[in-house]
C-alpha atoms as a PDB file:
ATOM      1  CA  MET A   1     -17.219   5.052 -12.462  1.00  0.00           C
ATOM      2  CA  SER A   2     -17.966   4.413 -16.141  1.00  0.00           C
ATOM      3  CA  LYS A   3     -20.281   1.690 -17.373  1.00  0.00           C
ATOM      4  CA  LEU A   4     -17.281  -0.152 -18.835  1.00  0.00           C
ATOM      5  CA  GLU A   5     -15.542  -0.600 -15.486  1.00  0.00           C
ATOM      6  CA  VAL A   6     -16.233  -3.603 -13.293  1.00  0.00           C
ATOM      7  CA  PHE A   7     -15.339  -4.081  -9.649  1.00  0.00           C
ATOM      8  CA  SER A   8     -13.186  -7.174  -9.159  1.00  0.00           C
ATOM      9  CA  GLY A   9     -11.111  -8.820  -6.466  1.00  0.00           C
ATOM     10  CA  ILE A  10     -11.924  -7.474  -3.014  1.00  0.00           C
ATOM     11  CA  LEU A  11     -14.558  -5.206  -4.623  1.00  0.00           C
ATOM     12  CA  SER A  12     -16.378  -7.982  -6.496  1.00  0.00           C
ATOM     13  CA  ASN A  13     -20.055  -8.639  -5.700  1.00  0.00           C
ATOM     14  CA  ASN A  14     -19.750 -12.279  -6.763  1.00  0.00           C
ATOM     15  CA  ALA A  15     -19.761 -14.670  -3.797  1.00  0.00           C
ATOM     16  CA  SER A  16     -17.720 -17.283  -5.648  1.00  0.00           C
ATOM     17  CA  LEU A  17     -15.015 -14.730  -6.459  1.00  0.00           C
ATOM     18  CA  ASN A  18     -15.020 -12.767  -3.198  1.00  0.00           C
ATOM     19  CA  PRO A  19     -16.554 -14.999  -0.511  1.00  0.00           C
ATOM     20  CA  ASP A  20     -16.018 -12.769   2.541  1.00  0.00           C
ATOM     21  CA  PHE A  21     -16.834  -9.308   1.191  1.00  0.00           C
ATOM     22  CA  TYR A  22     -19.106  -9.827  -1.854  1.00  0.00           C
ATOM     23  CA  ASN A  23     -22.246  -8.412  -0.172  1.00  0.00           C
ATOM     24  CA  TRP A  24     -20.628  -5.317   1.368  1.00  0.00           C
ATOM     25  CA  ASN A  25     -21.427  -1.788   0.289  1.00  0.00           C
ATOM     26  CA  ARG A  26     -18.415  -0.546  -1.661  1.00  0.00           C
ATOM     27  CA  VAL A  27     -17.191   2.965  -2.406  1.00  0.00           C
ATOM     28  CA  LYS A  28     -14.148   3.676  -4.573  1.00  0.00           C
ATOM     29  CA  LEU A  29     -12.440   7.027  -4.016  1.00  0.00           C
ATOM     30  CA  ARG A  30     -10.879   8.364  -7.182  1.00  0.00           C
ATOM     31  CA  TYR A  31      -7.263   9.327  -6.612  1.00  0.00           C
ATOM     32  CA  CYS A  32      -6.585  12.866  -7.764  1.00  0.00           C
ATOM     33  CA  ASP A  33      -4.143  14.843  -5.614  1.00  0.00           C
ATOM     34  CA  GLY A  34      -0.716  13.209  -5.966  1.00  0.00           C
ATOM     35  CA  ALA A  35      -0.148  12.885  -2.220  1.00  0.00           C
ATOM     36  CA  SER A  36      -2.491  10.149  -0.997  1.00  0.00           C
ATOM     37  CA  PHE A  37      -5.227  12.611   0.051  1.00  0.00           C
ATOM     38  CA  SER A  38      -2.948  14.354   2.545  1.00  0.00           C
ATOM     39  CA  GLY A  39      -1.971  17.768   1.169  1.00  0.00           C
ATOM     40  CA  ASP A  40      -3.426  21.137   2.097  1.00  0.00           C
ATOM     41  CA  SER A  41      -1.507  24.111   0.710  1.00  0.00           C
ATOM     42  CA  LYS A  42      -1.212  26.580  -2.123  1.00  0.00           C
ATOM     43  CA  PHE A  43       1.926  27.258  -4.107  1.00  0.00           C
ATOM     44  CA  ASP A  44       2.710  30.373  -6.134  1.00  0.00           C
ATOM     45  CA  ASN A  45       5.473  29.845  -8.699  1.00  0.00           C
ATOM     46  CA  GLY A  46       5.284  33.428  -9.943  1.00  0.00           C
ATOM     47  CA  THR A  47       3.025  32.719 -12.908  1.00  0.00           C
ATOM     48  CA  SER A  48       0.470  30.252 -11.550  1.00  0.00           C
ATOM     49  CA  LEU A  49      -1.193  29.606  -8.209  1.00  0.00           C
ATOM     50  CA  LEU A  50      -1.482  25.900  -7.453  1.00  0.00           C
ATOM     51  CA  TYR A  51      -3.861  24.529  -4.828  1.00  0.00           C
ATOM     52  CA  PHE A  52      -3.268  21.167  -3.161  1.00  0.00           C
ATOM     53  CA  ARG A  53      -6.381  20.015  -1.321  1.00  0.00           C
ATOM     54  CA  GLY A  54      -6.092  16.242  -0.901  1.00  0.00           C
ATOM     55  CA  GLN A  55      -6.824  16.326   2.829  1.00  0.00           C
ATOM     56  CA  ARG A  56      -9.943  18.432   2.292  1.00  0.00           C
ATOM     57  CA  ILE A  57     -11.095  16.160  -0.526  1.00  0.00           C
ATOM     58  CA  TRP A  58     -10.725  13.136   1.762  1.00  0.00           C
ATOM     59  CA  GLU A  59     -12.685  14.802   4.548  1.00  0.00           C
ATOM     60  CA  ALA A  60     -15.404  16.013   2.163  1.00  0.00           C
ATOM     61  CA  ILE A  61     -15.908  12.529   0.712  1.00  0.00           C
ATOM     62  CA  ILE A  62     -16.172  10.864   4.129  1.00  0.00           C
ATOM     63  CA  HIS A  63     -18.549  13.534   5.443  1.00  0.00           C
ATOM     64  CA  ASP A  64     -20.675  13.062   2.321  1.00  0.00           C
ATOM     65  CA  LEU A  65     -20.821   9.301   2.912  1.00  0.00           C
ATOM     66  CA  LEU A  66     -21.688   9.443   6.620  1.00  0.00           C
ATOM     67  CA  PRO A  67     -25.379  10.414   6.219  1.00  0.00           C
ATOM     68  CA  LYS A  68     -25.695   7.966   3.310  1.00  0.00           C
ATOM     69  CA  GLY A  69     -25.126   5.005   5.618  1.00  0.00           C
ATOM     70  CA  LEU A  70     -21.497   5.091   6.699  1.00  0.00           C
ATOM     71  CA  SER A  71     -22.444   6.565  10.088  1.00  0.00           C
ATOM     72  CA  ARG A  72     -24.498   3.421  10.765  1.00  0.00           C
ATOM     73  CA  ALA A  73     -21.831   0.931   9.692  1.00  0.00           C
ATOM     74  CA  ARG A  74     -21.311  -2.117  11.860  1.00  0.00           C
ATOM     75  CA  LYS A  75     -18.263  -3.267   9.904  1.00  0.00           C
ATOM     76  CA  ALA A  76     -15.893  -1.228   7.753  1.00  0.00           C
ATOM     77  CA  LEU A  77     -12.654  -1.849   5.896  1.00  0.00           C
ATOM     78  CA  LEU A  78     -10.562   1.020   4.518  1.00  0.00           C
ATOM     79  CA  SER A  79      -8.348  -0.370   1.791  1.00  0.00           C
ATOM     80  CA  GLY A  80      -6.260   0.967  -1.047  1.00  0.00           C
ATOM     81  CA  CYS A  81      -3.611   0.003  -3.569  1.00  0.00           C
ATOM     82  CA  SER A  82      -0.267   1.733  -4.234  1.00  0.00           C
ATOM     83  CA  ALA A  83      -0.740   5.441  -3.428  1.00  0.00           C
ATOM     84  CA  GLY A  84      -4.157   4.400  -2.123  1.00  0.00           C
ATOM     85  CA  GLY A  85      -2.415   1.877   0.115  1.00  0.00           C
ATOM     86  CA  LEU A  86      -0.231   4.668   1.439  1.00  0.00           C
ATOM     87  CA  ALA A  87      -3.419   6.692   2.028  1.00  0.00           C
ATOM     88  CA  THR A  88      -4.731   3.990   4.368  1.00  0.00           C
ATOM     89  CA  PHE A  89      -1.641   4.412   6.554  1.00  0.00           C
ATOM     90  CA  LEU A  90      -2.188   8.167   6.636  1.00  0.00           C
ATOM     91  CA  HIS A  91      -5.957   8.108   7.293  1.00  0.00           C
ATOM     92  CA  CYS A  92      -6.697   4.831   9.083  1.00  0.00           C
ATOM     93  CA  ASP A  93      -7.159   6.159  12.616  1.00  0.00           C
ATOM     94  CA  ASN A  94      -8.943   9.285  11.384  1.00  0.00           C
ATOM     95  CA  PHE A  95     -11.391   7.068   9.483  1.00  0.00           C
ATOM     96  CA  THR A  96     -11.983   4.974  12.590  1.00  0.00           C
ATOM     97  CA  LYS A  97     -12.770   8.026  14.711  1.00  0.00           C
ATOM     98  CA  MET A  98     -15.508   9.121  12.303  1.00  0.00           C
ATOM     99  CA  LEU A  99     -17.397   5.819  12.549  1.00  0.00           C
ATOM    100  CA  PRO A 100     -19.561   4.478  15.398  1.00  0.00           C
ATOM    101  CA  SER A 101     -17.542   3.437  18.440  1.00  0.00           C
ATOM    102  CA  ASN A 102     -19.075  -0.044  18.367  1.00  0.00           C
ATOM    103  CA  ALA A 103     -18.242  -0.649  14.691  1.00  0.00           C
ATOM    104  CA  SER A 104     -15.552  -3.122  13.673  1.00  0.00           C
ATOM    105  CA  VAL A 105     -13.207  -0.896  11.696  1.00  0.00           C
ATOM    106  CA  LYS A 106      -9.989  -2.172  10.148  1.00  0.00           C
ATOM    107  CA  CYS A 107      -7.557  -1.055   7.436  1.00  0.00           C
ATOM    108  CA  LEU A 108      -5.751  -2.802   4.584  1.00  0.00           C
ATOM    109  CA  SER A 109      -2.789  -1.506   2.585  1.00  0.00           C
ATOM    110  CA  ASP A 110      -2.073  -3.224  -0.720  1.00  0.00           C
ATOM    111  CA  ALA A 111       1.361  -2.379  -2.196  1.00  0.00           C
ATOM    112  CA  GLY A 112       1.512   0.766  -0.085  1.00  0.00           C
ATOM    113  CA  PHE A 113       4.407  -0.104   2.216  1.00  0.00           C
ATOM    114  CA  PHE A 114       6.938   2.155   0.504  1.00  0.00           C
ATOM    115  CA  LEU A 115      10.359   1.773   2.077  1.00  0.00           C
ATOM    116  CA  ASP A 116      12.807   4.477   3.071  1.00  0.00           C
ATOM    117  CA  GLU A 117      15.452   2.708   1.001  1.00  0.00           C
ATOM    118  CA  ARG A 118      18.752   3.655  -0.645  1.00  0.00           C
ATOM    119  CA  ASP A 119      18.878   3.127  -4.394  1.00  0.00           C
ATOM    120  CA  ILE A 120      21.696   1.250  -6.130  1.00  0.00           C
ATOM    121  CA  SER A 121      23.771   4.451  -6.232  1.00  0.00           C
ATOM    122  CA  LEU A 122      23.347   4.716  -2.436  1.00  0.00           C
ATOM    123  CA  ASN A 123      21.127   7.805  -2.685  1.00  0.00           C
ATOM    124  CA  TYR A 124      17.788   8.135  -0.898  1.00  0.00           C
ATOM    125  CA  SER A 125      15.804   8.866  -4.057  1.00  0.00           C
ATOM    126  CA  MET A 126      12.396   8.115  -2.539  1.00  0.00           C
ATOM    127  CA  ARG A 127      13.190  10.032   0.642  1.00  0.00           C
ATOM    128  CA  SER A 128      14.156  13.058  -1.431  1.00  0.00           C
ATOM    129  CA  PHE A 129      10.958  12.801  -3.456  1.00  0.00           C
ATOM    130  CA  TYR A 130       8.801  12.455  -0.330  1.00  0.00           C
ATOM    131  CA  HIS A 131      10.608  15.343   1.375  1.00  0.00           C
ATOM    132  CA  ASP A 132       9.832  17.626  -1.564  1.00  0.00           C
ATOM    133  CA  LEU A 133       6.257  16.371  -1.798  1.00  0.00           C
ATOM    134  CA  VAL A 134       5.571  16.918   1.912  1.00  0.00           C
ATOM    135  CA  ALA A 135       7.000  20.443   1.701  1.00  0.00           C
ATOM    136  CA  LEU A 136       5.148  21.362  -1.500  1.00  0.00           C
ATOM    137  CA  GLN A 137       1.734  20.148  -0.404  1.00  0.00           C
ATOM    138  CA  GLY A 138       1.901  21.120   3.271  1.00  0.00           C
ATOM    139  CA  ILE A 139       1.504  17.507   4.348  1.00  0.00           C
ATOM    140  CA  GLU A 140       3.436  17.591   7.630  1.00  0.00           C
ATOM    141  CA  GLN A 141       0.537  19.218   9.487  1.00  0.00           C
ATOM    142  CA  ASN A 142      -1.657  16.246   8.541  1.00  0.00           C
ATOM    143  CA  LEU A 143       0.766  13.469   9.492  1.00  0.00           C
ATOM    144  CA  ASN A 144       0.317  11.413  12.660  1.00  0.00           C
ATOM    145  CA  PRO A 145       1.228  13.836  15.478  1.00  0.00           C
ATOM    146  CA  ASN A 146       2.538  11.053  17.704  1.00  0.00           C
ATOM    147  CA  CYS A 147       4.949  10.106  14.934  1.00  0.00           C
ATOM    148  CA  THR A 148       6.049  13.652  14.081  1.00  0.00           C
ATOM    149  CA  ARG A 149       6.737  14.385  17.756  1.00  0.00           C
ATOM    150  CA  SER A 150       8.830  11.245  18.132  1.00  0.00           C
ATOM    151  CA  ILE A 151      11.184  11.497  15.167  1.00  0.00           C
ATOM    152  CA  SER A 152      13.963  13.979  14.385  1.00  0.00           C
ATOM    153  CA  ASN A 153      12.777  14.440  10.795  1.00  0.00           C
ATOM    154  CA  PRO A 154       8.954  14.685  10.972  1.00  0.00           C
ATOM    155  CA  LYS A 155       8.603  14.475   7.192  1.00  0.00           C
ATOM    156  CA  LEU A 156       9.689  10.832   7.391  1.00  0.00           C
ATOM    157  CA  CYS A 157       6.302  10.037   8.974  1.00  0.00           C
ATOM    158  CA  PHE A 158       4.979  10.010   5.408  1.00  0.00           C
ATOM    159  CA  PHE A 159       6.753   6.643   5.111  1.00  0.00           C
ATOM    160  CA  PRO A 160       4.584   3.765   6.399  1.00  0.00           C
ATOM    161  CA  GLN A 161       7.458   2.133   8.285  1.00  0.00           C
ATOM    162  CA  TYR A 162       7.659   5.136  10.612  1.00  0.00           C
ATOM    163  CA  ALA A 163       3.910   5.832  10.861  1.00  0.00           C
ATOM    164  CA  LEU A 164       2.897   2.213  11.464  1.00  0.00           C
ATOM    165  CA  ASN A 165       3.978   2.142  15.105  1.00  0.00           C
ATOM    166  CA  TYR A 166       1.445   4.869  15.900  1.00  0.00           C
ATOM    167  CA  ILE A 167      -1.642   3.398  14.197  1.00  0.00           C
ATOM    168  CA  SER A 168      -4.101   2.048  16.773  1.00  0.00           C
ATOM    169  CA  THR A 169      -6.651   0.521  14.364  1.00  0.00           C
ATOM    170  CA  PRO A 170      -6.212  -3.172  13.407  1.00  0.00           C
ATOM    171  CA  TYR A 171      -4.163  -3.294  10.225  1.00  0.00           C
ATOM    172  CA  PHE A 172      -3.337  -5.711   7.394  1.00  0.00           C
ATOM    173  CA  ILE A 173      -0.303  -5.268   5.145  1.00  0.00           C
ATOM    174  CA  LEU A 174      -0.432  -6.925   1.731  1.00  0.00           C
ATOM    175  CA  ASN A 175       2.779  -6.441  -0.231  1.00  0.00           C
ATOM    176  CA  SER A 176       5.258  -8.117  -2.466  1.00  0.00           C
ATOM    177  CA  ALA A 177       8.754  -8.343  -1.037  1.00  0.00           C
ATOM    178  CA  TYR A 178       9.884  -7.460  -4.573  1.00  0.00           C
ATOM    179  CA  ASP A 179       7.299  -4.756  -5.179  1.00  0.00           C
ATOM    180  CA  VAL A 180       7.633  -3.745  -8.827  1.00  0.00           C
ATOM    181  CA  PHE A 181       7.112  -0.031  -8.258  1.00  0.00           C
ATOM    182  CA  GLN A 182       9.762   0.099  -5.549  1.00  0.00           C
ATOM    183  CA  PHE A 183      12.115  -2.057  -7.621  1.00  0.00           C
ATOM    184  CA  HIS A 184      11.805   0.247 -10.644  1.00  0.00           C
ATOM    185  CA  HIS A 185      11.507   3.642  -8.970  1.00  0.00           C
ATOM    186  CA  SER A 186      13.079   3.433  -5.533  1.00  0.00           C
ATOM    187  CA  LEU A 187      15.747   0.713  -5.709  1.00  0.00           C
ATOM    188  CA  VAL A 188      16.724   1.202  -9.373  1.00  0.00           C
ATOM    189  CA  PRO A 189      15.359   4.570 -10.526  1.00  0.00           C
ATOM    190  CA  PRO A 190      16.441   5.717 -14.009  1.00  0.00           C
ATOM    191  CA  SER A 191      18.702   8.327 -12.381  1.00  0.00           C
ATOM    192  CA  ALA A 192      20.750   5.543 -10.785  1.00  0.00           C
ATOM    193  CA  ASP A 193      21.001   3.384 -13.921  1.00  0.00           C
ATOM    194  CA  LEU A 194      21.914   5.830 -16.666  1.00  0.00           C
ATOM    195  CA  HIS A 195      23.346   3.110 -18.931  1.00  0.00           C
ATOM    196  CA  GLY A 196      20.367   0.756 -18.565  1.00  0.00           C
ATOM    197  CA  HIS A 197      22.260  -2.174 -17.056  1.00  0.00           C
ATOM    198  CA  TRP A 198      19.092  -3.169 -15.181  1.00  0.00           C
ATOM    199  CA  ASN A 199      16.670  -2.915 -18.113  1.00  0.00           C
ATOM    200  CA  ARG A 200      16.504  -6.644 -18.914  1.00  0.00           C
ATOM    201  CA  CYS A 201      16.249  -7.528 -15.231  1.00  0.00           C
ATOM    202  CA  LYS A 202      13.362  -5.067 -14.806  1.00  0.00           C
ATOM    203  CA  LEU A 203      11.470  -6.696 -17.659  1.00  0.00           C
ATOM    204  CA  ASP A 204      12.121 -10.275 -16.592  1.00  0.00           C
ATOM    205  CA  PRO A 205      13.478 -11.405 -13.184  1.00  0.00           C
ATOM    206  CA  ALA A 206      14.794 -14.563 -14.849  1.00  0.00           C
ATOM    207  CA  ALA A 207      17.178 -12.343 -16.830  1.00  0.00           C
ATOM    208  CA  CYS A 208      18.725 -10.824 -13.700  1.00  0.00           C
ATOM    209  CA  SER A 209      22.374 -11.542 -12.976  1.00  0.00           C
ATOM    210  CA  ALA A 210      23.487 -13.133  -9.714  1.00  0.00           C
ATOM    211  CA  TYR A 211      24.534  -9.713  -8.468  1.00  0.00           C
ATOM    212  CA  GLN A 212      21.177  -8.167  -9.362  1.00  0.00           C
ATOM    213  CA  ILE A 213      19.343 -10.963  -7.588  1.00  0.00           C
ATOM    214  CA  SER A 214      21.452 -10.338  -4.493  1.00  0.00           C
ATOM    215  CA  VAL A 215      20.448  -6.661  -4.588  1.00  0.00           C
ATOM    216  CA  LEU A 216      16.804  -7.659  -4.867  1.00  0.00           C
ATOM    217  CA  GLN A 217      17.204 -10.038  -1.936  1.00  0.00           C
ATOM    218  CA  GLY A 218      18.515  -7.036  -0.028  1.00  0.00           C
ATOM    219  CA  LEU A 219      15.270  -5.194  -0.800  1.00  0.00           C
ATOM    220  CA  ARG A 220      13.302  -8.123   0.615  1.00  0.00           C
ATOM    221  CA  ARG A 221      15.542  -8.271   3.681  1.00  0.00           C
ATOM    222  CA  ASP A 222      15.085  -4.573   4.380  1.00  0.00           C
ATOM    223  CA  MET A 223      11.316  -4.911   4.088  1.00  0.00           C
ATOM    224  CA  LEU A 224      11.320  -7.817   6.531  1.00  0.00           C
ATOM    225  CA  VAL A 225      13.459  -5.834   8.978  1.00  0.00           C
ATOM    226  CA  ALA A 226      11.135  -2.828   8.745  1.00  0.00           C
ATOM    227  CA  LEU A 227       8.101  -5.046   9.331  1.00  0.00           C
ATOM    228  CA  TYR A 228       9.589  -7.230  12.068  1.00  0.00           C
ATOM    229  CA  PRO A 229       8.065  -5.358  15.058  1.00  0.00           C
ATOM    230  CA  PHE A 230       4.666  -5.405  13.329  1.00  0.00           C
ATOM    231  CA  TYR A 231       5.029  -9.126  12.611  1.00  0.00           C
ATOM    232  CA  LYS A 232       6.320 -10.070  16.041  1.00  0.00           C
ATOM    233  CA  ASN A 233       4.402  -7.960  18.526  1.00  0.00           C
ATOM    234  CA  SER A 234       0.784  -7.709  17.450  1.00  0.00           C
ATOM    235  CA  ARG A 235      -1.884 -10.418  17.453  1.00  0.00           C
ATOM    236  CA  ARG A 236      -4.676  -8.220  16.041  1.00  0.00           C
ATOM    237  CA  ASP A 237      -2.856  -7.273  12.828  1.00  0.00           C
ATOM    238  CA  GLY A 238      -2.272  -9.305   9.675  1.00  0.00           C
ATOM    239  CA  MET A 239       0.244  -9.668   6.874  1.00  0.00           C
ATOM    240  CA  PHE A 240       0.636 -11.347   3.494  1.00  0.00           C
ATOM    241  CA  LEU A 241       4.131 -10.715   2.138  1.00  0.00           C
ATOM    242  CA  ASN A 242       4.706 -12.779  -0.974  1.00  0.00           C
ATOM    243  CA  SER A 243       7.631 -13.077  -3.375  1.00  0.00           C
ATOM    244  CA  CYS A 244       5.865 -12.333  -6.643  1.00  0.00           C
ATOM    245  CA  PHE A 245       7.115  -9.494  -8.823  1.00  0.00           C
ATOM    246  CA  ALA A 246       3.882  -7.548  -8.536  1.00  0.00           C
ATOM    247  CA  HIS A 247       2.332  -4.240  -7.571  1.00  0.00           C
ATOM    248  CA  CYS A 248      -1.275  -4.283  -6.298  1.00  0.00           C
ATOM    249  CA  GLN A 249      -2.931  -7.659  -5.823  1.00  0.00           C
ATOM    250  CA  SER A 250      -6.246  -7.119  -4.007  1.00  0.00           C
ATOM    251  CA  GLU A 251      -8.329  -5.579  -6.800  1.00  0.00           C
ATOM    252  CA  SER A 252      -7.378  -8.032  -9.561  1.00  0.00           C
ATOM    253  CA  GLN A 253      -9.373 -11.242  -9.550  1.00  0.00           C
ATOM    254  CA  ASP A 254      -6.516 -13.456 -10.706  1.00  0.00           C
ATOM    255  CA  THR A 255      -4.367 -12.436  -7.752  1.00  0.00           C
ATOM    256  CA  TRP A 256      -7.129 -12.040  -5.135  1.00  0.00           C
ATOM    257  CA  PHE A 257      -9.041 -15.330  -5.401  1.00  0.00           C
ATOM    258  CA  ALA A 258      -8.778 -17.716  -8.337  1.00  0.00           C
ATOM    259  CA  VAL A 259      -7.691 -21.259  -9.071  1.00  0.00           C
ATOM    260  CA  ASP A 260      -4.163 -20.134  -9.919  1.00  0.00           C
ATOM    261  CA  SER A 261      -3.881 -17.193  -7.503  1.00  0.00           C
ATOM    262  CA  PRO A 262      -0.637 -16.626  -5.597  1.00  0.00           C
ATOM    263  CA  ARG A 263      -0.559 -18.546  -2.355  1.00  0.00           C
ATOM    264  CA  ILE A 264       1.503 -18.778   0.798  1.00  0.00           C
ATOM    265  CA  HIS A 265       1.130 -22.052   2.691  1.00  0.00           C
ATOM    266  CA  ASN A 266      -1.670 -22.863   0.243  1.00  0.00           C
ATOM    267  CA  LYS A 267      -3.659 -19.792   1.314  1.00  0.00           C
ATOM    268  CA  THR A 268      -4.859 -17.157  -1.152  1.00  0.00           C
ATOM    269  CA  ILE A 269      -4.778 -13.441  -0.415  1.00  0.00           C
ATOM    270  CA  ALA A 270      -8.580 -13.397  -0.111  1.00  0.00           C
ATOM    271  CA  GLU A 271      -8.522 -16.199   2.457  1.00  0.00           C
ATOM    272  CA  ALA A 272      -5.759 -14.519   4.453  1.00  0.00           C
ATOM    273  CA  VAL A 273      -7.560 -11.157   4.554  1.00  0.00           C
ATOM    274  CA  GLY A 274     -10.877 -12.774   5.407  1.00  0.00           C
ATOM    275  CA  ASP A 275      -9.382 -14.841   8.243  1.00  0.00           C
ATOM    276  CA  TRP A 276      -7.809 -11.681   9.640  1.00  0.00           C
ATOM    277  CA  TYR A 277     -10.801  -9.369   9.327  1.00  0.00           C
ATOM    278  CA  PHE A 278     -13.277 -11.827  10.856  1.00  0.00           C
ATOM    279  CA  SER A 279     -10.762 -12.979  13.500  1.00  0.00           C
ATOM    280  CA  ARG A 280     -10.967 -16.608  12.396  1.00  0.00           C
ATOM    281  CA  LYS A 281      -7.250 -17.052  12.949  1.00  0.00           C
ATOM    282  CA  ILE A 282      -4.038 -15.067  13.221  1.00  0.00           C
ATOM    283  CA  THR A 283      -2.815 -14.417   9.682  1.00  0.00           C
ATOM    284  CA  LYS A 284       0.802 -13.387   9.182  1.00  0.00           C
ATOM    285  CA  GLU A 285       2.152 -15.060   6.081  1.00  0.00           C
ATOM    286  CA  ILE A 286       5.694 -14.478   4.793  1.00  0.00           C
ATOM    287  CA  ASP A 287       6.810 -16.136   1.581  1.00  0.00           C
ATOM    288  CA  CYS A 288      10.165 -17.785   0.960  1.00  0.00           C
ATOM    289  CA  PRO A 289      12.628 -15.782  -1.198  1.00  0.00           C
ATOM    290  CA  TYR A 290      12.434 -15.604  -4.990  1.00  0.00           C
ATOM    291  CA  PRO A 291      12.435 -17.861  -6.975  1.00  0.00           C
ATOM    292  CA  CYS A 292      10.981 -20.552  -4.715  1.00  0.00           C
ATOM    293  CA  ASP A 293       7.294 -19.561  -5.034  1.00  0.00           C
ATOM    294  CA  LYS A 294       5.828 -21.425  -8.001  1.00  0.00           C
ATOM    295  CA  THR A 295       2.361 -19.819  -7.633  1.00  0.00           C
ATOM    296  CA  CYS A 296       3.580 -16.516  -9.134  1.00  0.00           C
ATOM    297  CA  HIS A 297       3.490 -17.730 -12.727  1.00  0.00           C
ATOM    298  CA  ASN A 298       0.584 -15.463 -13.690  1.00  0.00           C
ATOM    299  CA  LEU A 299       2.230 -12.203 -12.573  1.00  0.00           C
ATOM    300  CA  ILE A 300       4.384  -9.882 -14.673  1.00  0.00           C
ATOM    301  CA  PRO A 301       6.090  -6.582 -13.802  1.00  0.00           C
ATOM    302  CA  SER A 302       4.017  -3.427 -14.329  1.00  0.00           C
ATOM    303  CA  PRO A 303       6.375  -0.432 -14.141  1.00  0.00           C
ATOM    304  CA  GLN A 304       3.737   2.028 -15.386  1.00  0.00           C
ATOM    305  CA  VAL A 305       2.190   2.461 -11.930  1.00  0.00           C
ATOM    306  CA  SER A 306       3.265   5.727 -10.324  1.00  0.00           C
ATOM    307  CA  LEU A 307       2.749   7.728  -7.175  1.00  0.00           C
ATOM    308  CA  ARG A 308       2.901  10.964  -9.110  1.00  0.00           C
END
């Protein structure tokens, strides 16, 4: 971490900005492998030999941290944003097993609930991308074995909606129902909008046509359907699913805990996560559909974020 960077949001050490987690020890894992720390393979394309070692990097980092204090943790929270949020789905239970049995270990995914969704041309663009990624990096061997044994296409266990049922550690899902990355790259990838009919809508939801809004409401509906068992059946897990056009909200102060932060039922993301982690109350907040949430005024689309 360079001297110019400052931890904010859930990583802030300021009690007024991060009341529940400000005095925790924090470690940020730099993302480097392109597959959420899950690959372990080598690929020879005839001219170059490529090594994918995300899984080994993950294990090396955790084993390095254990003697530095992690092995004595009484409380731990594995969190991540975007591809890092996906990594928490893939490594949550493994992380729990490496910590003391009497520790309170929980996991949080921020903008990592990537859907197995058809794009506007009815193709499974994200599924195709994940399929190729899993094959290239040898990821299948590192996916949840209970999931891979229970599904006809084991590679789909890279998607959180299929892996979630097999995670035993308490879990919190923070996501926008109109996640900007999924909107721009999964629902309306450039390959499905060759003439740019969605360009204005991508830049400004207020510029979307009635038809485009209906498609976006379909994205929200599909996310709610995928999350319904998680929402309905578990009392130990938590959720904050808002209707802001955003991608990653836990590590930015203005979205985590501020005067004008996004809220659901007048509760900020920080308050929802804190209530869940410390078991103060059951926290499963689902926002009303766009455009009813007036607390999203400070958020704008950020299409630059990428899994690749």
